[in-house]
Amino acid sequence: MKNIKFIAFDVETATARSPRFICQLGLSIVNMNDEIIETKSFLVQPPNNKIEPILSGIHGIQAEDTQSAPDFKSIWS
């Protein structure tokens, strides 16, 4: 991955209180010319596939969306 300036990460949360878990991970790879050269998004199944309704109302991700998604450990590796 030559000529990469930075990688930006963003997450959507499934839980509002500690411990916080995520339900989506996104990243964009930016080159030395400040151009986005790649963008990826991964749905993540939080523990017990629990997504708090108030957060679903914000980001639109429902438990049905993450039902078949891998957990965070699987995606991160």
PDB file of N, CA and C in Angstrom:
ATOM      1  N   MET A   1       0.838  -1.184   0.000  1.00  0.00           N
ATOM      2  CA  MET A   1       0.000   0.000   0.000  1.00  0.00           C
ATOM      3  C   MET A   1       0.883   1.246   0.000  1.00  0.00           C
ATOM      4  N   LYS A   2       1.547   1.415  -1.072  1.00  0.00           N
ATOM      5  CA  LYS A   2       2.469   2.528  -1.238  1.00  0.00           C
ATOM      6  C   LYS A   2       1.681   3.806  -1.531  1.00  0.00           C
ATOM      7  N   ASN A   3       2.236   4.929  -1.129  1.00  0.00           N
ATOM      8  CA  ASN A   3       1.653   6.239  -1.394  1.00  0.00           C
ATOM      9  C   ASN A   3       0.346   6.504  -0.642  1.00  0.00           C
ATOM     10  N   ILE A   4       0.145   5.841   0.471  1.00  0.00           N
ATOM     11  CA  ILE A   4      -1.042   6.095   1.286  1.00  0.00           C
ATOM     12  C   ILE A   4      -0.729   7.199   2.280  1.00  0.00           C
ATOM     13  N   LYS A   5      -1.598   8.180   2.330  1.00  0.00           N
ATOM     14  CA  LYS A   5      -1.429   9.286   3.271  1.00  0.00           C
ATOM     15  C   LYS A   5      -2.059   8.929   4.614  1.00  0.00           C
ATOM     16  N   PHE A   6      -3.300   8.408   4.565  1.00  0.00           N
ATOM     17  CA  PHE A   6      -3.945   7.977   5.805  1.00  0.00           C
ATOM     18  C   PHE A   6      -5.133   7.084   5.506  1.00  0.00           C
ATOM     19  N   ILE A   7      -5.598   6.406   6.549  1.00  0.00           N
ATOM     20  CA  ILE A   7      -6.811   5.598   6.486  1.00  0.00           C
ATOM     21  C   ILE A   7      -7.761   6.147   7.545  1.00  0.00           C
ATOM     22  N   ALA A   8      -8.966   6.498   7.128  1.00  0.00           N
ATOM     23  CA  ALA A   8      -9.981   7.025   8.049  1.00  0.00           C
ATOM     24  C   ALA A   8     -10.945   5.911   8.417  1.00  0.00           C
ATOM     25  N   PHE A   9     -11.239   5.804   9.721  1.00  0.00           N
ATOM     26  CA  PHE A   9     -12.177   4.801  10.226  1.00  0.00           C
ATOM     27  C   PHE A   9     -13.425   5.493  10.765  1.00  0.00           C
ATOM     28  N   ASP A  10     -14.552   4.818  10.635  1.00  0.00           N
ATOM     29  CA  ASP A  10     -15.794   5.284  11.241  1.00  0.00           C
ATOM     30  C   ASP A  10     -16.549   4.057  11.724  1.00  0.00           C
ATOM     31  N   VAL A  11     -17.221   4.186  12.840  1.00  0.00           N
ATOM     32  CA  VAL A  11     -18.021   3.080  13.358  1.00  0.00           C
ATOM     33  C   VAL A  11     -19.420   3.564  13.692  1.00  0.00           C
ATOM     34  N   GLU A  12     -20.369   2.644  13.599  1.00  0.00           N
ATOM     35  CA  GLU A  12     -21.721   2.874  14.091  1.00  0.00           C
ATOM     36  C   GLU A  12     -21.870   1.999  15.320  1.00  0.00           C
ATOM     37  N   THR A  13     -22.434   2.574  16.367  1.00  0.00           N
ATOM     38  CA  THR A  13     -22.518   1.844  17.631  1.00  0.00           C
ATOM     39  C   THR A  13     -23.854   1.137  17.792  1.00  0.00           C
ATOM     40  N   ALA A  14     -23.775  -0.004  18.478  1.00  0.00           N
ATOM     41  CA  ALA A  14     -24.961  -0.804  18.764  1.00  0.00           C
ATOM     42  C   ALA A  14     -25.465  -0.543  20.179  1.00  0.00           C
ATOM     43  N   THR A  15     -24.568  -0.104  21.056  1.00  0.00           N
ATOM     44  CA  THR A  15     -24.922   0.139  22.458  1.00  0.00           C
ATOM     45  C   THR A  15     -24.432   1.527  22.874  1.00  0.00           C
ATOM     46  N   ALA A  16     -25.229   2.201  23.674  1.00  0.00           N
ATOM     47  CA  ALA A  16     -24.901   3.568  24.080  1.00  0.00           C
ATOM     48  C   ALA A  16     -24.090   3.627  25.371  1.00  0.00           C
ATOM     49  N   ARG A  17     -24.190   2.602  26.186  1.00  0.00           N
ATOM     50  CA  ARG A  17     -23.482   2.604  27.470  1.00  0.00           C
ATOM     51  C   ARG A  17     -22.361   1.588  27.456  1.00  0.00           C
ATOM     52  N   SER A  18     -21.460   1.746  28.382  1.00  0.00           N
ATOM     53  CA  SER A  18     -20.320   0.856  28.487  1.00  0.00           C
ATOM     54  C   SER A  18     -20.761  -0.535  28.929  1.00  0.00           C
ATOM     55  N   PRO A  19     -20.241  -1.596  28.365  1.00  0.00           N
ATOM     56  CA  PRO A  19     -19.301  -1.564  27.254  1.00  0.00           C
ATOM     57  C   PRO A  19     -20.012  -1.243  25.949  1.00  0.00           C
ATOM     58  N   ARG A  20     -19.342  -0.461  25.121  1.00  0.00           N
ATOM     59  CA  ARG A  20     -19.919  -0.091  23.829  1.00  0.00           C
ATOM     60  C   ARG A  20     -19.485  -1.116  22.788  1.00  0.00           C
ATOM     61  N   PHE A  21     -20.434  -1.479  21.960  1.00  0.00           N
ATOM     62  CA  PHE A  21     -20.173  -2.409  20.868  1.00  0.00           C
ATOM     63  C   PHE A  21     -20.571  -1.748  19.560  1.00  0.00           C
ATOM     64  N   ILE A  22     -19.965  -2.198  18.471  1.00  0.00           N
ATOM     65  CA  ILE A  22     -20.272  -1.612  17.178  1.00  0.00           C
ATOM     66  C   ILE A  22     -21.117  -2.555  16.332  1.00  0.00           C
ATOM     67  N   CYS A  23     -21.787  -1.980  15.333  1.00  0.00           N
ATOM     68  CA  CYS A  23     -22.571  -2.784  14.400  1.00  0.00           C
ATOM     69  C   CYS A  23     -22.151  -2.528  12.951  1.00  0.00           C
ATOM     70  N   GLN A  24     -21.273  -1.552  12.745  1.00  0.00           N
ATOM     71  CA  GLN A  24     -20.725  -1.317  11.415  1.00  0.00           C
ATOM     72  C   GLN A  24     -19.367  -0.643  11.525  1.00  0.00           C
ATOM     73  N   LEU A  25     -18.465  -1.040  10.635  1.00  0.00           N
ATOM     74  CA  LEU A  25     -17.134  -0.461  10.543  1.00  0.00           C
ATOM     75  C   LEU A  25     -16.936  -0.003   9.098  1.00  0.00           C
ATOM     76  N   GLY A  26     -16.511   1.237   8.945  1.00  0.00           N
ATOM     77  CA  GLY A  26     -16.232   1.755   7.609  1.00  0.00           C
ATOM     78  C   GLY A  26     -14.833   2.321   7.562  1.00  0.00           C
ATOM     79  N   LEU A  27     -14.214   2.273   6.401  1.00  0.00           N
ATOM     80  CA  LEU A  27     -12.891   2.870   6.255  1.00  0.00           C
ATOM     81  C   LEU A  27     -12.708   3.392   4.845  1.00  0.00           C
ATOM     82  N   SER A  28     -11.916   4.440   4.739  1.00  0.00           N
ATOM     83  CA  SER A  28     -11.535   5.012   3.455  1.00  0.00           C
ATOM     84  C   SER A  28     -10.019   5.162   3.435  1.00  0.00           C
ATOM     85  N   ILE A  29      -9.420   4.796   2.322  1.00  0.00           N
ATOM     86  CA  ILE A  29      -7.978   4.918   2.145  1.00  0.00           C
ATOM     87  C   ILE A  29      -7.726   6.123   1.246  1.00  0.00           C
ATOM     88  N   VAL A  30      -6.887   7.043   1.724  1.00  0.00           N
ATOM     89  CA  VAL A  30      -6.604   8.287   1.016  1.00  0.00           C
ATOM     90  C   VAL A  30      -5.136   8.303   0.605  1.00  0.00           C
ATOM     91  N   ASN A  31      -4.884   8.674  -0.677  1.00  0.00           N
ATOM     92  CA  ASN A  31      -3.504   8.690  -1.156  1.00  0.00           C
ATOM     93  C   ASN A  31      -2.843  10.048  -0.922  1.00  0.00           C
ATOM     94  N   MET A  32      -1.618  10.163  -1.376  1.00  0.00           N
ATOM     95  CA  MET A  32      -0.830  11.376  -1.150  1.00  0.00           C
ATOM     96  C   MET A  32      -1.403  12.601  -1.873  1.00  0.00           C
ATOM     97  N   ASN A  33      -2.289  12.388  -2.849  1.00  0.00           N
ATOM     98  CA  ASN A  33      -2.936  13.487  -3.570  1.00  0.00           C
ATOM     99  C   ASN A  33      -4.297  13.833  -2.974  1.00  0.00           C
ATOM    100  N   ASP A  34      -4.564  13.332  -1.765  1.00  0.00           N
ATOM    101  CA  ASP A  34      -5.844  13.543  -1.074  1.00  0.00           C
ATOM    102  C   ASP A  34      -7.038  12.974  -1.831  1.00  0.00           C
ATOM    103  N   GLU A  35      -6.807  11.918  -2.595  1.00  0.00           N
ATOM    104  CA  GLU A  35      -7.878  11.239  -3.311  1.00  0.00           C
ATOM    105  C   GLU A  35      -8.252   9.969  -2.547  1.00  0.00           C
ATOM    106  N   ILE A  36      -9.544   9.720  -2.435  1.00  0.00           N
ATOM    107  CA  ILE A  36      -9.995   8.467  -1.836  1.00  0.00           C
ATOM    108  C   ILE A  36      -9.787   7.376  -2.871  1.00  0.00           C
ATOM    109  N   ILE A  37      -8.956   6.399  -2.514  1.00  0.00           N
ATOM    110  CA  ILE A  37      -8.652   5.343  -3.481  1.00  0.00           C
ATOM    111  C   ILE A  37      -9.406   4.045  -3.197  1.00  0.00           C
ATOM    112  N   GLU A  38      -9.936   3.927  -1.997  1.00  0.00           N
ATOM    113  CA  GLU A  38     -10.736   2.738  -1.674  1.00  0.00           C
ATOM    114  C   GLU A  38     -11.599   3.032  -0.460  1.00  0.00           C
ATOM    115  N   THR A  39     -12.821   2.528  -0.498  1.00  0.00           N
ATOM    116  CA  THR A  39     -13.745   2.648   0.632  1.00  0.00           C
ATOM    117  C   THR A  39     -14.346   1.272   0.883  1.00  0.00           C
ATOM    118  N   LYS A  40     -14.407   0.881   2.149  1.00  0.00           N
ATOM    119  CA  LYS A  40     -14.992  -0.413   2.524  1.00  0.00           C
ATOM    120  C   LYS A  40     -15.926  -0.212   3.705  1.00  0.00           C
ATOM    121  N   SER A  41     -16.935  -1.053   3.771  1.00  0.00           N
ATOM    122  CA  SER A  41     -17.886  -1.019   4.871  1.00  0.00           C
ATOM    123  C   SER A  41     -18.217  -2.452   5.265  1.00  0.00           C
ATOM    124  N   PHE A  42     -18.237  -2.710   6.574  1.00  0.00           N
ATOM    125  CA  PHE A  42     -18.508  -4.050   7.079  1.00  0.00           C
ATOM    126  C   PHE A  42     -19.584  -3.983   8.156  1.00  0.00           C
ATOM    127  N   LEU A  43     -20.642  -4.763   8.001  1.00  0.00           N
ATOM    128  CA  LEU A  43     -21.588  -4.920   9.103  1.00  0.00           C
ATOM    129  C   LEU A  43     -20.944  -5.843  10.125  1.00  0.00           C
ATOM    130  N   VAL A  44     -21.193  -5.574  11.401  1.00  0.00           N
ATOM    131  CA  VAL A  44     -20.605  -6.327  12.507  1.00  0.00           C
ATOM    132  C   VAL A  44     -21.734  -6.786  13.419  1.00  0.00           C
ATOM    133  N   GLN A  45     -21.723  -8.067  13.773  1.00  0.00           N
ATOM    134  CA  GLN A  45     -22.733  -8.546  14.709  1.00  0.00           C
ATOM    135  C   GLN A  45     -22.261  -8.284  16.139  1.00  0.00           C
ATOM    136  N   PRO A  46     -22.977  -7.420  16.865  1.00  0.00           N
ATOM    137  CA  PRO A  46     -22.613  -7.177  18.259  1.00  0.00           C
ATOM    138  C   PRO A  46     -22.983  -8.393  19.121  1.00  0.00           C
ATOM    139  N   PRO A  47     -22.459  -8.487  20.337  1.00  0.00           N
ATOM    140  CA  PRO A  47     -22.810  -9.609  21.214  1.00  0.00           C
ATOM    141  C   PRO A  47     -24.323  -9.751  21.356  1.00  0.00           C
ATOM    142  N   ASN A  48     -24.783 -10.967  21.236  1.00  0.00           N
ATOM    143  CA  ASN A  48     -26.209 -11.308  21.296  1.00  0.00           C
ATOM    144  C   ASN A  48     -27.019 -10.593  20.219  1.00  0.00           C
ATOM    145  N   ASN A  49     -26.350 -10.049  19.224  1.00  0.00           N
ATOM    146  CA  ASN A  49     -26.964  -9.307  18.124  1.00  0.00           C
ATOM    147  C   ASN A  49     -27.924  -8.225  18.630  1.00  0.00           C
ATOM    148  N   LYS A  50     -27.539  -7.579  19.731  1.00  0.00           N
ATOM    149  CA  LYS A  50     -28.385  -6.550  20.339  1.00  0.00           C
ATOM    150  C   LYS A  50     -27.976  -5.159  19.855  1.00  0.00           C
ATOM    151  N   ILE A  51     -28.937  -4.471  19.238  1.00  0.00           N
ATOM    152  CA  ILE A  51     -28.742  -3.084  18.815  1.00  0.00           C
ATOM    153  C   ILE A  51     -29.849  -2.268  19.470  1.00  0.00           C
ATOM    154  N   GLU A  52     -29.461  -1.277  20.242  1.00  0.00           N
ATOM    155  CA  GLU A  52     -30.448  -0.471  20.965  1.00  0.00           C
ATOM    156  C   GLU A  52     -31.313   0.311  19.983  1.00  0.00           C
ATOM    157  N   PRO A  53     -32.635   0.298  20.196  1.00  0.00           N
ATOM    158  CA  PRO A  53     -33.567   0.963  19.277  1.00  0.00           C
ATOM    159  C   PRO A  53     -33.262   2.438  19.027  1.00  0.00           C
ATOM    160  N   ILE A  54     -32.824   3.153  20.048  1.00  0.00           N
ATOM    161  CA  ILE A  54     -32.535   4.581  19.854  1.00  0.00           C
ATOM    162  C   ILE A  54     -31.390   4.776  18.864  1.00  0.00           C
ATOM    163  N   LEU A  55     -30.414   3.863  18.874  1.00  0.00           N
ATOM    164  CA  LEU A  55     -29.296   3.960  17.940  1.00  0.00           C
ATOM    165  C   LEU A  55     -29.697   3.505  16.542  1.00  0.00           C
ATOM    166  N   SER A  56     -30.560   2.493  16.449  1.00  0.00           N
ATOM    167  CA  SER A  56     -31.094   2.093  15.141  1.00  0.00           C
ATOM    168  C   SER A  56     -31.812   3.256  14.480  1.00  0.00           C
ATOM    169  N   GLY A  57     -32.480   4.070  15.292  1.00  0.00           N
ATOM    170  CA  GLY A  57     -33.179   5.235  14.771  1.00  0.00           C
ATOM    171  C   GLY A  57     -32.229   6.277  14.197  1.00  0.00           C
ATOM    172  N   ILE A  58     -31.000   6.280  14.672  1.00  0.00           N
ATOM    173  CA  ILE A  58     -30.013   7.250  14.186  1.00  0.00           C
ATOM    174  C   ILE A  58     -29.328   6.739  12.913  1.00  0.00           C
ATOM    175  N   HIS A  59     -28.789   5.511  12.950  1.00  0.00           N
ATOM    176  CA  HIS A  59     -28.017   5.020  11.807  1.00  0.00           C
ATOM    177  C   HIS A  59     -28.785   4.076  10.899  1.00  0.00           C
ATOM    178  N   GLY A  60     -29.947   3.615  11.316  1.00  0.00           N
ATOM    179  CA  GLY A  60     -30.778   2.778  10.458  1.00  0.00           C
ATOM    180  C   GLY A  60     -30.412   1.312  10.413  1.00  0.00           C
ATOM    181  N   ILE A  61     -29.421   0.890  11.185  1.00  0.00           N
ATOM    182  CA  ILE A  61     -29.016  -0.523  11.183  1.00  0.00           C
ATOM    183  C   ILE A  61     -29.846  -1.267  12.217  1.00  0.00           C
ATOM    184  N   GLN A  62     -30.486  -2.340  11.789  1.00  0.00           N
ATOM    185  CA  GLN A  62     -31.342  -3.162  12.635  1.00  0.00           C
ATOM    186  C   GLN A  62     -30.662  -4.502  12.915  1.00  0.00           C
ATOM    187  N   ALA A  63     -31.117  -5.188  13.948  1.00  0.00           N
ATOM    188  CA  ALA A  63     -30.574  -6.516  14.277  1.00  0.00           C
ATOM    189  C   ALA A  63     -30.721  -7.477  13.100  1.00  0.00           C
ATOM    190  N   GLU A  64     -31.765  -7.330  12.304  1.00  0.00           N
ATOM    191  CA  GLU A  64     -31.951  -8.194  11.129  1.00  0.00           C
ATOM    192  C   GLU A  64     -30.804  -8.002  10.129  1.00  0.00           C
ATOM    193  N   ASP A  65     -30.247  -6.786  10.084  1.00  0.00           N
ATOM    194  CA  ASP A  65     -29.153  -6.492   9.154  1.00  0.00           C
ATOM    195  C   ASP A  65     -27.854  -7.180   9.565  1.00  0.00           C
ATOM    196  N   THR A  66     -27.648  -7.343  10.859  1.00  0.00           N
ATOM    197  CA  THR A  66     -26.386  -7.916  11.351  1.00  0.00           C
ATOM    198  C   THR A  66     -26.511  -9.381  11.750  1.00  0.00           C
ATOM    199  N   GLN A  67     -27.676  -9.940  11.562  1.00  0.00           N
ATOM    200  CA  GLN A  67     -27.951 -11.321  11.967  1.00  0.00           C
ATOM    201  C   GLN A  67     -26.946 -12.318  11.395  1.00  0.00           C
ATOM    202  N   SER A  68     -26.546 -12.149  10.148  1.00  0.00           N
ATOM    203  CA  SER A  68     -25.600 -13.068   9.506  1.00  0.00           C
ATOM    204  C   SER A  68     -24.189 -12.490   9.417  1.00  0.00           C
ATOM    205  N   ALA A  69     -23.973 -11.315   9.992  1.00  0.00           N
ATOM    206  CA  ALA A  69     -22.661 -10.653   9.916  1.00  0.00           C
ATOM    207  C   ALA A  69     -21.672 -11.311  10.880  1.00  0.00           C
ATOM    208  N   PRO A  70     -20.392 -11.251  10.537  1.00  0.00           N
ATOM    209  CA  PRO A  70     -19.381 -11.774  11.461  1.00  0.00           C
ATOM    210  C   PRO A  70     -19.211 -10.859  12.674  1.00  0.00           C
ATOM    211  N   ASP A  71     -18.632 -11.401  13.728  1.00  0.00           N
ATOM    212  CA  ASP A  71     -18.359 -10.568  14.897  1.00  0.00           C
ATOM    213  C   ASP A  71     -17.099  -9.721  14.645  1.00  0.00           C
ATOM    214  N   PHE A  72     -16.825  -8.792  15.565  1.00  0.00           N
ATOM    215  CA  PHE A  72     -15.712  -7.849  15.375  1.00  0.00           C
ATOM    216  C   PHE A  72     -14.369  -8.552  15.232  1.00  0.00           C
ATOM    217  N   LYS A  73     -14.119  -9.574  16.055  1.00  0.00           N
ATOM    218  CA  LYS A  73     -12.840 -10.289  15.984  1.00  0.00           C
ATOM    219  C   LYS A  73     -12.583 -10.854  14.591  1.00  0.00           C
ATOM    220  N   SER A  74     -13.619 -11.381  13.986  1.00  0.00           N
ATOM    221  CA  SER A  74     -13.476 -11.966  12.648  1.00  0.00           C
ATOM    222  C   SER A  74     -13.153 -10.915  11.596  1.00  0.00           C
ATOM    223  N   ILE A  75     -13.778  -9.766  11.700  1.00  0.00           N
ATOM    224  CA  ILE A  75     -13.537  -8.692  10.727  1.00  0.00           C
ATOM    225  C   ILE A  75     -12.169  -8.074  10.938  1.00  0.00           C
ATOM    226  N   TRP A  76     -11.796  -7.834  12.171  1.00  0.00           N
ATOM    227  CA  TRP A  76     -10.560  -7.132  12.448  1.00  0.00           C
ATOM    228  C   TRP A  76      -9.334  -7.906  11.974  1.00  0.00           C
ATOM    229  N   SER A  77      -9.394  -9.216  12.069  1.00  0.00           N
ATOM    230  CA  SER A  77      -8.240 -10.019  11.625  1.00  0.00           C
ATOM    231  C   SER A  77      -8.095  -9.950  10.126  1.00  0.00           C
TER     232      SER A  77
END
